[in-house]
Amino acid sequence: MNTANLQLKGLIMAMASICDAIVEKELLTSQELNAALSNAKKAIEDDDDHELSDANRAAILFPIRVLQLAEEAGRKGERLTFSDYAKLVGKMT
């Protein structure tokens, strides 16, 4: 696997943990965090300046989708692996 991909896996999982901590410390509610992630997703989906293929757009959205799933799992008290999240995102697209 490409080293950059491994680094991104680590970064995405670190961000998922940071998002959990933000909610646990009550800096944002779960709903506010999800709204922020949804806003980021919408901004990418609405960006017409770059003519991206569906595959490239899905790749850009992947980390946001993982973080949304991690937020949902955190609300349920679940801890999933990166592989679990990747499978779930694959089912979403």
C-alpha atoms as a PDB file:
ATOM      1  CA  MET A   1       0.000   0.000   0.000  1.00  0.00           C
ATOM      2  CA  ASN A   2       1.145   3.515  -0.765  1.00  0.00           C
ATOM      3  CA  THR A   3       2.716   5.233   2.265  1.00  0.00           C
ATOM      4  CA  ALA A   4       0.495   8.291   1.750  1.00  0.00           C
ATOM      5  CA  ASN A   5      -2.572   6.063   2.052  1.00  0.00           C
ATOM      6  CA  LEU A   6      -1.297   4.682   5.350  1.00  0.00           C
ATOM      7  CA  GLN A   7      -0.685   8.192   6.616  1.00  0.00           C
ATOM      8  CA  LEU A   8      -4.203   9.217   5.605  1.00  0.00           C
ATOM      9  CA  LYS A   9      -5.645   6.202   7.428  1.00  0.00           C
ATOM     10  CA  GLY A  10      -3.867   7.321  10.587  1.00  0.00           C
ATOM     11  CA  LEU A  11      -4.940  10.919  10.158  1.00  0.00           C
ATOM     12  CA  ILE A  12      -8.586   9.993   9.580  1.00  0.00           C
ATOM     13  CA  MET A  13      -8.665   7.770  12.672  1.00  0.00           C
ATOM     14  CA  ALA A  14      -6.955  10.509  14.710  1.00  0.00           C
ATOM     15  CA  MET A  15      -9.597  12.992  13.559  1.00  0.00           C
ATOM     16  CA  ALA A  16     -12.325  10.524  14.540  1.00  0.00           C
ATOM     17  CA  SER A  17     -10.866  10.371  18.051  1.00  0.00           C
ATOM     18  CA  ILE A  18     -10.589  14.154  18.204  1.00  0.00           C
ATOM     19  CA  CYS A  19     -14.229  14.462  17.148  1.00  0.00           C
ATOM     20  CA  ASP A  20     -15.193  12.053  19.947  1.00  0.00           C
ATOM     21  CA  ALA A  21     -13.256  14.173  22.444  1.00  0.00           C
ATOM     22  CA  ILE A  22     -14.907  17.379  21.205  1.00  0.00           C
ATOM     23  CA  VAL A  23     -18.339  15.877  21.842  1.00  0.00           C
ATOM     24  CA  GLU A  24     -17.306  14.312  25.178  1.00  0.00           C
ATOM     25  CA  LYS A  25     -15.954  17.677  26.399  1.00  0.00           C
ATOM     26  CA  GLU A  26     -19.222  19.256  25.233  1.00  0.00           C
ATOM     27  CA  LEU A  27     -17.453  21.765  22.994  1.00  0.00           C
ATOM     28  CA  LEU A  28     -19.923  20.746  20.279  1.00  0.00           C
ATOM     29  CA  THR A  29     -22.972  18.570  20.450  1.00  0.00           C
ATOM     30  CA  SER A  30     -23.145  15.475  18.314  1.00  0.00           C
ATOM     31  CA  GLN A  31     -25.674  17.250  16.112  1.00  0.00           C
ATOM     32  CA  GLU A  32     -23.418  20.301  15.694  1.00  0.00           C
ATOM     33  CA  LEU A  33     -20.466  18.111  14.754  1.00  0.00           C
ATOM     34  CA  ASN A  34     -22.568  16.208  12.250  1.00  0.00           C
ATOM     35  CA  ALA A  35     -23.854  19.508  10.806  1.00  0.00           C
ATOM     36  CA  ALA A  36     -20.269  20.752  10.350  1.00  0.00           C
ATOM     37  CA  LEU A  37     -19.311  17.522   8.564  1.00  0.00           C
ATOM     38  CA  SER A  38     -22.448  17.736   6.419  1.00  0.00           C
ATOM     39  CA  ASN A  39     -21.532  21.322   5.476  1.00  0.00           C
ATOM     40  CA  ALA A  40     -18.069  20.176   4.395  1.00  0.00           C
ATOM     41  CA  LYS A  41     -19.584  17.343   2.363  1.00  0.00           C
ATOM     42  CA  LYS A  42     -22.071  19.686   0.682  1.00  0.00           C
ATOM     43  CA  ALA A  43     -19.335  22.188  -0.184  1.00  0.00           C
ATOM     44  CA  ILE A  44     -17.415  19.464  -1.991  1.00  0.00           C
ATOM     45  CA  GLU A  45     -20.497  18.116  -3.743  1.00  0.00           C
ATOM     46  CA  ASP A  46     -21.495  21.619  -4.882  1.00  0.00           C
ATOM     47  CA  ASP A  47     -18.009  22.576  -6.150  1.00  0.00           C
ATOM     48  CA  ASP A  48     -18.362  22.956  -9.908  1.00  0.00           C
ATOM     49  CA  ASP A  49     -15.006  24.696 -10.382  1.00  0.00           C
ATOM     50  CA  HIS A  50     -13.237  21.372 -10.731  1.00  0.00           C
ATOM     51  CA  GLU A  51     -14.575  18.817 -13.129  1.00  0.00           C
ATOM     52  CA  LEU A  52     -13.954  15.692 -11.104  1.00  0.00           C
ATOM     53  CA  SER A  53     -14.860  12.168 -12.012  1.00  0.00           C
ATOM     54  CA  ASP A  54     -17.319  10.417  -9.719  1.00  0.00           C
ATOM     55  CA  ALA A  55     -14.460   8.272  -8.429  1.00  0.00           C
ATOM     56  CA  ASN A  56     -12.343  11.331  -7.563  1.00  0.00           C
ATOM     57  CA  ARG A  57     -15.280  13.048  -5.883  1.00  0.00           C
ATOM     58  CA  ALA A  58     -15.968   9.872  -3.860  1.00  0.00           C
ATOM     59  CA  ALA A  59     -12.295   9.786  -2.848  1.00  0.00           C
ATOM     60  CA  ILE A  60     -12.456  13.385  -1.622  1.00  0.00           C
ATOM     61  CA  LEU A  61     -15.655  12.673   0.318  1.00  0.00           C
ATOM     62  CA  PHE A  62     -14.293   9.470   1.870  1.00  0.00           C
ATOM     63  CA  PRO A  63     -12.735  11.030   5.009  1.00  0.00           C
ATOM     64  CA  ILE A  64     -15.837  13.107   5.695  1.00  0.00           C
ATOM     65  CA  ARG A  65     -18.032  10.039   5.388  1.00  0.00           C
ATOM     66  CA  VAL A  66     -15.738   8.118   7.750  1.00  0.00           C
ATOM     67  CA  LEU A  67     -15.935  10.922  10.302  1.00  0.00           C
ATOM     68  CA  GLN A  68     -19.733  11.006  10.013  1.00  0.00           C
ATOM     69  CA  LEU A  69     -19.863   7.259  10.621  1.00  0.00           C
ATOM     70  CA  ALA A  70     -17.432   7.590  13.533  1.00  0.00           C
ATOM     71  CA  GLU A  71     -19.641  10.277  15.070  1.00  0.00           C
ATOM     72  CA  GLU A  72     -22.641   8.001  14.728  1.00  0.00           C
ATOM     73  CA  ALA A  73     -20.744   5.050  16.199  1.00  0.00           C
ATOM     74  CA  GLY A  74     -19.548   7.229  19.090  1.00  0.00           C
ATOM     75  CA  ARG A  75     -23.125   8.171  19.920  1.00  0.00           C
ATOM     76  CA  LYS A  76     -23.914   4.465  20.144  1.00  0.00           C
ATOM     77  CA  GLY A  77     -20.827   3.782  22.268  1.00  0.00           C
ATOM     78  CA  GLU A  78     -19.228   1.738  19.483  1.00  0.00           C
ATOM     79  CA  ARG A  79     -15.582   1.761  18.426  1.00  0.00           C
ATOM     80  CA  LEU A  80     -14.973   0.577  14.882  1.00  0.00           C
ATOM     81  CA  THR A  81     -11.761  -0.032  12.952  1.00  0.00           C
ATOM     82  CA  PHE A  82     -10.715   1.793   9.815  1.00  0.00           C
ATOM     83  CA  SER A  83     -11.577  -1.328   7.823  1.00  0.00           C
ATOM     84  CA  ASP A  84     -15.071  -1.319   9.322  1.00  0.00           C
ATOM     85  CA  TYR A  85     -15.552   2.296   8.316  1.00  0.00           C
ATOM     86  CA  ALA A  86     -14.202   1.678   4.796  1.00  0.00           C
ATOM     87  CA  LYS A  87     -16.700  -1.140   4.292  1.00  0.00           C
ATOM     88  CA  LEU A  88     -19.568   1.032   5.521  1.00  0.00           C
ATOM     89  CA  VAL A  89     -18.560   3.932   3.267  1.00  0.00           C
ATOM     90  CA  GLY A  90     -18.389   1.488   0.356  1.00  0.00           C
ATOM     91  CA  LYS A  91     -21.984   0.529   1.017  1.00  0.00           C
ATOM     92  CA  MET A  92     -23.007   4.210   1.080  1.00  0.00           C
ATOM     93  CA  THR A  93     -21.709   4.943  -2.424  1.00  0.00           C
END
